[in-house]
Amino acid sequence: MEASASEAAWVAAMRRGDEAAFARLYDVYRGPLYRYALQMCGAASADDVVQDTFIALLRGSRFDPARGSLAAYIFGIARHHILKRLSASRLEMNDCDEAVEAPADDGASPFEAMSRAEVVQAVRAAIASLPPVYREIVTLCELEELDYATAASVVQCPLGTVRSRLHRARALLMSKLGRDRQEGQESGEGQTVRSVQL
């Protein structure tokens, strides 16, 4: 509960005009919110979702630490803006245009680094191809590492539903990635797929 009290203090200070409190909240949540919005509605809208979320946080006064964590509250605001954008424009998730982050220099050969980048791109494409309900749960639980209870609060569903959606999403991803791997081998690309830890 102590973390919730400090979160409430940050929000209260931010709403009183404390720039340091706003900067702290922005630094903590900007990246995770951007990645969530990027996965859900694409690069063209991700910045706008983050901006709209922080504007709503500044203007709103409904955060109550007794009802849940600040992360659940902020991701809930972002989800609202994402759903508005998706329903208004019916955008399909665009492939991520960001460059693949270079792996740490762990002595890997250029081939291994390239293989790792290809695997990362394949996983990103597989996540992007998931239906939105599953893509959202994978993004929240696996990519943003929210616990199941917080994710359930964000998507406003029971904890068991989060677990079942995540299980189904993982099965879909494994099926998609396995099918892509098999198609690559059958097309005669001549490359073996190596196991790469992400």
C-alpha atoms as a PDB file:
ATOM      1  CA  MET A   1       0.000   0.000   0.000  1.00  0.00           C
ATOM      2  CA  GLU A   2       2.968   2.307   0.527  1.00  0.00           C
ATOM      3  CA  ALA A   3       3.672   2.389  -3.219  1.00  0.00           C
ATOM      4  CA  SER A   4       0.036   3.316  -3.869  1.00  0.00           C
ATOM      5  CA  ALA A   5       0.264   6.178  -1.377  1.00  0.00           C
ATOM      6  CA  SER A   6       3.386   7.539  -3.092  1.00  0.00           C
ATOM      7  CA  GLU A   7       1.719   7.117  -6.497  1.00  0.00           C
ATOM      8  CA  ALA A   8      -1.277   9.084  -5.257  1.00  0.00           C
ATOM      9  CA  ALA A   9       1.080  11.763  -3.936  1.00  0.00           C
ATOM     10  CA  TRP A  10       2.805  12.002  -7.342  1.00  0.00           C
ATOM     11  CA  VAL A  11      -0.530  12.401  -9.119  1.00  0.00           C
ATOM     12  CA  ALA A  12      -1.738  14.996  -6.611  1.00  0.00           C
ATOM     13  CA  ALA A  13       1.515  16.968  -6.897  1.00  0.00           C
ATOM     14  CA  MET A  14       1.353  16.809 -10.689  1.00  0.00           C
ATOM     15  CA  ARG A  15      -2.195  18.157 -10.689  1.00  0.00           C
ATOM     16  CA  ARG A  16      -1.079  21.050  -8.462  1.00  0.00           C
ATOM     17  CA  GLY A  17       1.453  22.011 -11.129  1.00  0.00           C
ATOM     18  CA  ASP A  18       4.581  20.302  -9.794  1.00  0.00           C
ATOM     19  CA  GLU A  19       6.693  19.867 -12.926  1.00  0.00           C
ATOM     20  CA  ALA A  20       9.076  17.440 -11.208  1.00  0.00           C
ATOM     21  CA  ALA A  21       6.194  15.119 -10.313  1.00  0.00           C
ATOM     22  CA  PHE A  22       4.930  15.247 -13.892  1.00  0.00           C
ATOM     23  CA  ALA A  23       8.437  14.578 -15.232  1.00  0.00           C
ATOM     24  CA  ARG A  24       8.814  11.590 -12.915  1.00  0.00           C
ATOM     25  CA  LEU A  25       5.469  10.075 -13.961  1.00  0.00           C
ATOM     26  CA  TYR A  26       6.234  10.785 -17.601  1.00  0.00           C
ATOM     27  CA  ASP A  27       9.668   9.160 -17.367  1.00  0.00           C
ATOM     28  CA  VAL A  28       8.225   6.057 -15.694  1.00  0.00           C
ATOM     29  CA  TYR A  29       5.214   5.503 -17.957  1.00  0.00           C
ATOM     30  CA  ARG A  30       6.025   7.085 -21.343  1.00  0.00           C
ATOM     31  CA  GLY A  31       7.981   4.119 -22.700  1.00  0.00           C
ATOM     32  CA  PRO A  32       5.602   1.368 -21.601  1.00  0.00           C
ATOM     33  CA  LEU A  33       2.565   3.345 -22.811  1.00  0.00           C
ATOM     34  CA  TYR A  34       4.202   4.023 -26.165  1.00  0.00           C
ATOM     35  CA  ARG A  35       5.073   0.353 -26.685  1.00  0.00           C
ATOM     36  CA  TYR A  36       1.530  -0.678 -25.734  1.00  0.00           C
ATOM     37  CA  ALA A  37      -0.009   1.843 -28.149  1.00  0.00           C
ATOM     38  CA  LEU A  38       2.495   0.883 -30.860  1.00  0.00           C
ATOM     39  CA  GLN A  39       1.492  -2.774 -30.629  1.00  0.00           C
ATOM     40  CA  MET A  40      -2.208  -1.988 -30.574  1.00  0.00           C
ATOM     41  CA  CYS A  41      -2.690   0.803 -33.116  1.00  0.00           C
ATOM     42  CA  GLY A  42       0.598   1.358 -34.928  1.00  0.00           C
ATOM     43  CA  ALA A  43       3.363   3.914 -35.045  1.00  0.00           C
ATOM     44  CA  ALA A  44       1.182   6.631 -36.590  1.00  0.00           C
ATOM     45  CA  SER A  45      -1.029   6.817 -33.495  1.00  0.00           C
ATOM     46  CA  ALA A  46       1.248   5.738 -30.644  1.00  0.00           C
ATOM     47  CA  ASP A  47       2.601   9.227 -29.820  1.00  0.00           C
ATOM     48  CA  ASP A  48      -0.915  10.676 -29.872  1.00  0.00           C
ATOM     49  CA  VAL A  49      -2.163   7.982 -27.491  1.00  0.00           C
ATOM     50  CA  VAL A  50       0.652   8.755 -25.037  1.00  0.00           C
ATOM     51  CA  GLN A  51      -0.053  12.481 -25.242  1.00  0.00           C
ATOM     52  CA  ASP A  52      -3.817  12.001 -24.833  1.00  0.00           C
ATOM     53  CA  THR A  53      -3.208   9.712 -21.855  1.00  0.00           C
ATOM     54  CA  PHE A  54      -1.080  12.260 -20.007  1.00  0.00           C
ATOM     55  CA  ILE A  55      -3.497  15.076 -20.812  1.00  0.00           C
ATOM     56  CA  ALA A  56      -6.331  12.986 -19.368  1.00  0.00           C
ATOM     57  CA  LEU A  57      -4.198  12.229 -16.309  1.00  0.00           C
ATOM     58  CA  LEU A  58      -3.549  15.951 -15.795  1.00  0.00           C
ATOM     59  CA  ARG A  59      -7.214  16.872 -16.170  1.00  0.00           C
ATOM     60  CA  GLY A  60      -8.789  13.947 -14.369  1.00  0.00           C
ATOM     61  CA  SER A  61      -9.215  13.486 -10.671  1.00  0.00           C
ATOM     62  CA  ARG A  62     -10.442   9.909 -10.499  1.00  0.00           C
ATOM     63  CA  PHE A  63      -7.297   8.025  -9.488  1.00  0.00           C
ATOM     64  CA  ASP A  64      -7.961   6.208  -6.226  1.00  0.00           C
ATOM     65  CA  PRO A  65      -5.117   4.023  -4.905  1.00  0.00           C
ATOM     66  CA  ALA A  66      -7.667   1.952  -2.980  1.00  0.00           C
ATOM     67  CA  ARG A  67      -9.144   0.791  -6.297  1.00  0.00           C
ATOM     68  CA  GLY A  68      -5.882  -0.247  -7.942  1.00  0.00           C
ATOM     69  CA  SER A  69      -2.397   0.706  -8.968  1.00  0.00           C
ATOM     70  CA  LEU A  70      -1.415   3.797 -10.897  1.00  0.00           C
ATOM     71  CA  ALA A  71      -0.135   1.551 -13.702  1.00  0.00           C
ATOM     72  CA  ALA A  72      -3.587  -0.015 -14.103  1.00  0.00           C
ATOM     73  CA  TYR A  73      -5.196   3.441 -14.076  1.00  0.00           C
ATOM     74  CA  ILE A  74      -2.805   4.925 -16.650  1.00  0.00           C
ATOM     75  CA  PHE A  75      -2.927   1.883 -18.932  1.00  0.00           C
ATOM     76  CA  GLY A  76      -6.723   1.984 -18.642  1.00  0.00           C
ATOM     77  CA  ILE A  77      -6.727   5.589 -19.876  1.00  0.00           C
ATOM     78  CA  ALA A  78      -4.410   4.605 -22.738  1.00  0.00           C
ATOM     79  CA  ARG A  79      -6.647   1.649 -23.585  1.00  0.00           C
ATOM     80  CA  HIS A  80      -9.637   3.964 -23.818  1.00  0.00           C
ATOM     81  CA  HIS A  81      -7.797   6.178 -26.308  1.00  0.00           C
ATOM     82  CA  ILE A  82      -6.548   3.159 -28.276  1.00  0.00           C
ATOM     83  CA  LEU A  83     -10.051   1.701 -28.549  1.00  0.00           C
ATOM     84  CA  LYS A  84     -11.407   5.064 -29.704  1.00  0.00           C
ATOM     85  CA  ARG A  85      -8.785   5.192 -32.444  1.00  0.00           C
ATOM     86  CA  LEU A  86      -9.317   1.597 -33.506  1.00  0.00           C
ATOM     87  CA  SER A  87     -13.085   1.890 -33.676  1.00  0.00           C
ATOM     88  CA  ALA A  88     -13.009   5.305 -35.365  1.00  0.00           C
ATOM     89  CA  SER A  89     -10.599   4.416 -38.138  1.00  0.00           C
ATOM     90  CA  ARG A  90     -10.542   0.603 -38.187  1.00  0.00           C
ATOM     91  CA  LEU A  91      -6.803   0.712 -38.588  1.00  0.00           C
ATOM     92  CA  GLU A  92      -4.929  -2.500 -39.023  1.00  0.00           C
ATOM     93  CA  MET A  93      -1.770  -2.903 -37.023  1.00  0.00           C
ATOM     94  CA  ASN A  94       1.176  -1.771 -39.148  1.00  0.00           C
ATOM     95  CA  ASP A  95       4.451  -3.598 -38.997  1.00  0.00           C
ATOM     96  CA  CYS A  96       6.820  -2.011 -36.555  1.00  0.00           C
ATOM     97  CA  ASP A  97       9.012   0.467 -38.440  1.00  0.00           C
ATOM     98  CA  GLU A  98      11.525   0.745 -35.644  1.00  0.00           C
ATOM     99  CA  ALA A  99      14.962  -0.643 -36.185  1.00  0.00           C
ATOM    100  CA  VAL A 100      15.681  -3.833 -34.324  1.00  0.00           C
ATOM    101  CA  GLU A 101      17.718  -3.053 -31.256  1.00  0.00           C
ATOM    102  CA  ALA A 102      21.265  -4.278 -31.519  1.00  0.00           C
ATOM    103  CA  PRO A 103      21.917  -7.150 -29.148  1.00  0.00           C
ATOM    104  CA  ALA A 104      24.545  -6.745 -26.484  1.00  0.00           C
ATOM    105  CA  ASP A 105      27.994  -7.767 -27.650  1.00  0.00           C
ATOM    106  CA  ASP A 106      28.077 -11.278 -26.255  1.00  0.00           C
ATOM    107  CA  GLY A 107      30.669 -12.595 -28.673  1.00  0.00           C
ATOM    108  CA  ALA A 108      28.020 -13.647 -31.198  1.00  0.00           C
ATOM    109  CA  SER A 109      29.030 -13.880 -34.817  1.00  0.00           C
ATOM    110  CA  PRO A 110      27.387 -11.569 -37.358  1.00  0.00           C
ATOM    111  CA  PHE A 111      25.321 -14.542 -38.578  1.00  0.00           C
ATOM    112  CA  GLU A 112      24.022 -15.202 -35.069  1.00  0.00           C
ATOM    113  CA  ALA A 113      23.210 -11.519 -34.589  1.00  0.00           C
ATOM    114  CA  MET A 114      21.381 -11.472 -37.925  1.00  0.00           C
ATOM    115  CA  SER A 115      19.518 -14.642 -37.000  1.00  0.00           C
ATOM    116  CA  ARG A 116      18.508 -13.064 -33.695  1.00  0.00           C
ATOM    117  CA  ALA A 117      17.244  -9.954 -35.496  1.00  0.00           C
ATOM    118  CA  GLU A 118      15.247 -12.127 -37.904  1.00  0.00           C
ATOM    119  CA  VAL A 119      13.674 -14.001 -35.005  1.00  0.00           C
ATOM    120  CA  VAL A 120      12.773 -10.730 -33.273  1.00  0.00           C
ATOM    121  CA  GLN A 121      11.174  -9.462 -36.491  1.00  0.00           C
ATOM    122  CA  ALA A 122       9.262 -12.737 -36.922  1.00  0.00           C
ATOM    123  CA  VAL A 123       7.949 -12.546 -33.348  1.00  0.00           C
ATOM    124  CA  ARG A 124       6.910  -8.902 -33.841  1.00  0.00           C
ATOM    125  CA  ALA A 125       5.086  -9.800 -37.047  1.00  0.00           C
ATOM    126  CA  ALA A 126       3.381 -12.749 -35.350  1.00  0.00           C
ATOM    127  CA  ILE A 127       2.224 -10.544 -32.458  1.00  0.00           C
ATOM    128  CA  ALA A 128       0.967  -7.930 -34.922  1.00  0.00           C
ATOM    129  CA  SER A 129      -1.062 -10.607 -36.717  1.00  0.00           C
ATOM    130  CA  LEU A 130      -2.920 -11.656 -33.564  1.00  0.00           C
ATOM    131  CA  PRO A 131      -6.533 -10.555 -33.121  1.00  0.00           C
ATOM    132  CA  PRO A 132      -6.600  -7.364 -30.989  1.00  0.00           C
ATOM    133  CA  VAL A 133      -7.964  -9.072 -27.866  1.00  0.00           C
ATOM    134  CA  TYR A 134      -4.986 -11.464 -27.798  1.00  0.00           C
ATOM    135  CA  ARG A 135      -2.422  -8.897 -28.988  1.00  0.00           C
ATOM    136  CA  GLU A 136      -3.446  -6.628 -26.102  1.00  0.00           C
ATOM    137  CA  ILE A 137      -2.933  -9.334 -23.461  1.00  0.00           C
ATOM    138  CA  VAL A 138       0.443 -10.393 -24.898  1.00  0.00           C
ATOM    139  CA  THR A 139       1.538  -6.759 -24.989  1.00  0.00           C
ATOM    140  CA  LEU A 140       0.483  -6.077 -21.404  1.00  0.00           C
ATOM    141  CA  CYS A 141       1.603  -9.335 -19.765  1.00  0.00           C
ATOM    142  CA  GLU A 142       4.615 -10.369 -21.815  1.00  0.00           C
ATOM    143  CA  LEU A 143       6.068  -7.201 -23.322  1.00  0.00           C
ATOM    144  CA  GLU A 144       5.187  -4.707 -20.572  1.00  0.00           C
ATOM    145  CA  GLU A 145       5.439  -7.373 -17.839  1.00  0.00           C
ATOM    146  CA  LEU A 146       2.290  -6.293 -16.002  1.00  0.00           C
ATOM    147  CA  ASP A 147       1.038  -8.868 -13.535  1.00  0.00           C
ATOM    148  CA  TYR A 148      -2.225 -10.643 -14.386  1.00  0.00           C
ATOM    149  CA  ALA A 149      -4.248  -8.689 -11.829  1.00  0.00           C
ATOM    150  CA  THR A 150      -3.111  -5.340 -13.235  1.00  0.00           C
ATOM    151  CA  ALA A 151      -3.762  -6.507 -16.806  1.00  0.00           C
ATOM    152  CA  ALA A 152      -7.247  -7.660 -15.751  1.00  0.00           C
ATOM    153  CA  SER A 153      -7.879  -4.226 -14.291  1.00  0.00           C
ATOM    154  CA  VAL A 154      -6.695  -2.517 -17.484  1.00  0.00           C
ATOM    155  CA  VAL A 155      -8.855  -4.597 -19.841  1.00  0.00           C
ATOM    156  CA  GLN A 156     -11.725  -4.745 -17.338  1.00  0.00           C
ATOM    157  CA  CYS A 157     -12.172  -8.495 -17.282  1.00  0.00           C
ATOM    158  CA  PRO A 158     -11.764 -11.284 -14.703  1.00  0.00           C
ATOM    159  CA  LEU A 159      -8.317 -12.623 -13.878  1.00  0.00           C
ATOM    160  CA  GLY A 160      -9.216 -16.027 -15.334  1.00  0.00           C
ATOM    161  CA  THR A 161     -10.071 -14.400 -18.647  1.00  0.00           C
ATOM    162  CA  VAL A 162      -6.624 -12.794 -18.789  1.00  0.00           C
ATOM    163  CA  ARG A 163      -5.030 -16.172 -18.169  1.00  0.00           C
ATOM    164  CA  SER A 164      -7.126 -17.934 -20.805  1.00  0.00           C
ATOM    165  CA  ARG A 165      -6.527 -15.185 -23.387  1.00  0.00           C
ATOM    166  CA  LEU A 166      -2.786 -15.295 -22.710  1.00  0.00           C
ATOM    167  CA  HIS A 167      -2.782 -19.088 -23.036  1.00  0.00           C
ATOM    168  CA  ARG A 168      -4.671 -18.897 -26.336  1.00  0.00           C
ATOM    169  CA  ALA A 169      -2.425 -16.081 -27.590  1.00  0.00           C
ATOM    170  CA  ARG A 170       0.697 -18.107 -26.813  1.00  0.00           C
ATOM    171  CA  ALA A 171      -0.764 -21.097 -28.669  1.00  0.00           C
ATOM    172  CA  LEU A 172      -1.567 -18.896 -31.670  1.00  0.00           C
ATOM    173  CA  LEU A 173       1.946 -17.422 -31.624  1.00  0.00           C
ATOM    174  CA  MET A 174       3.576 -20.847 -31.427  1.00  0.00           C
ATOM    175  CA  SER A 175       1.400 -22.063 -34.289  1.00  0.00           C
ATOM    176  CA  LYS A 176       2.165 -18.982 -36.401  1.00  0.00           C
ATOM    177  CA  LEU A 177       5.899 -19.072 -35.701  1.00  0.00           C
ATOM    178  CA  GLY A 178       6.048 -22.836 -36.287  1.00  0.00           C
ATOM    179  CA  ARG A 179       4.171 -22.476 -39.590  1.00  0.00           C
ATOM    180  CA  ASP A 180       6.493 -19.654 -40.713  1.00  0.00           C
ATOM    181  CA  ARG A 181       9.536 -21.735 -39.841  1.00  0.00           C
ATOM    182  CA  GLN A 182       8.188 -24.727 -41.738  1.00  0.00           C
ATOM    183  CA  GLU A 183       7.328 -22.588 -44.790  1.00  0.00           C
ATOM    184  CA  GLY A 184      10.834 -21.111 -44.760  1.00  0.00           C
ATOM    185  CA  GLN A 185      12.404 -24.559 -44.776  1.00  0.00           C
ATOM    186  CA  GLU A 186      10.064 -25.836 -47.506  1.00  0.00           C
ATOM    187  CA  SER A 187      10.729 -22.832 -49.766  1.00  0.00           C
ATOM    188  CA  GLY A 188      14.335 -23.925 -50.056  1.00  0.00           C
ATOM    189  CA  GLU A 189      15.907 -20.898 -48.469  1.00  0.00           C
ATOM    190  CA  GLY A 190      18.765 -23.150 -47.516  1.00  0.00           C
ATOM    191  CA  GLN A 191      19.153 -21.619 -44.069  1.00  0.00           C
ATOM    192  CA  THR A 192      18.667 -23.513 -40.885  1.00  0.00           C
ATOM    193  CA  VAL A 193      16.703 -21.856 -38.161  1.00  0.00           C
ATOM    194  CA  ARG A 194      18.701 -21.735 -34.973  1.00  0.00           C
ATOM    195  CA  SER A 195      17.361 -21.458 -31.498  1.00  0.00           C
ATOM    196  CA  VAL A 196      17.923 -17.918 -30.297  1.00  0.00           C
ATOM    197  CA  GLN A 197      17.182 -16.636 -26.821  1.00  0.00           C
ATOM    198  CA  LEU A 198      15.412 -13.281 -26.855  1.00  0.00           C
END
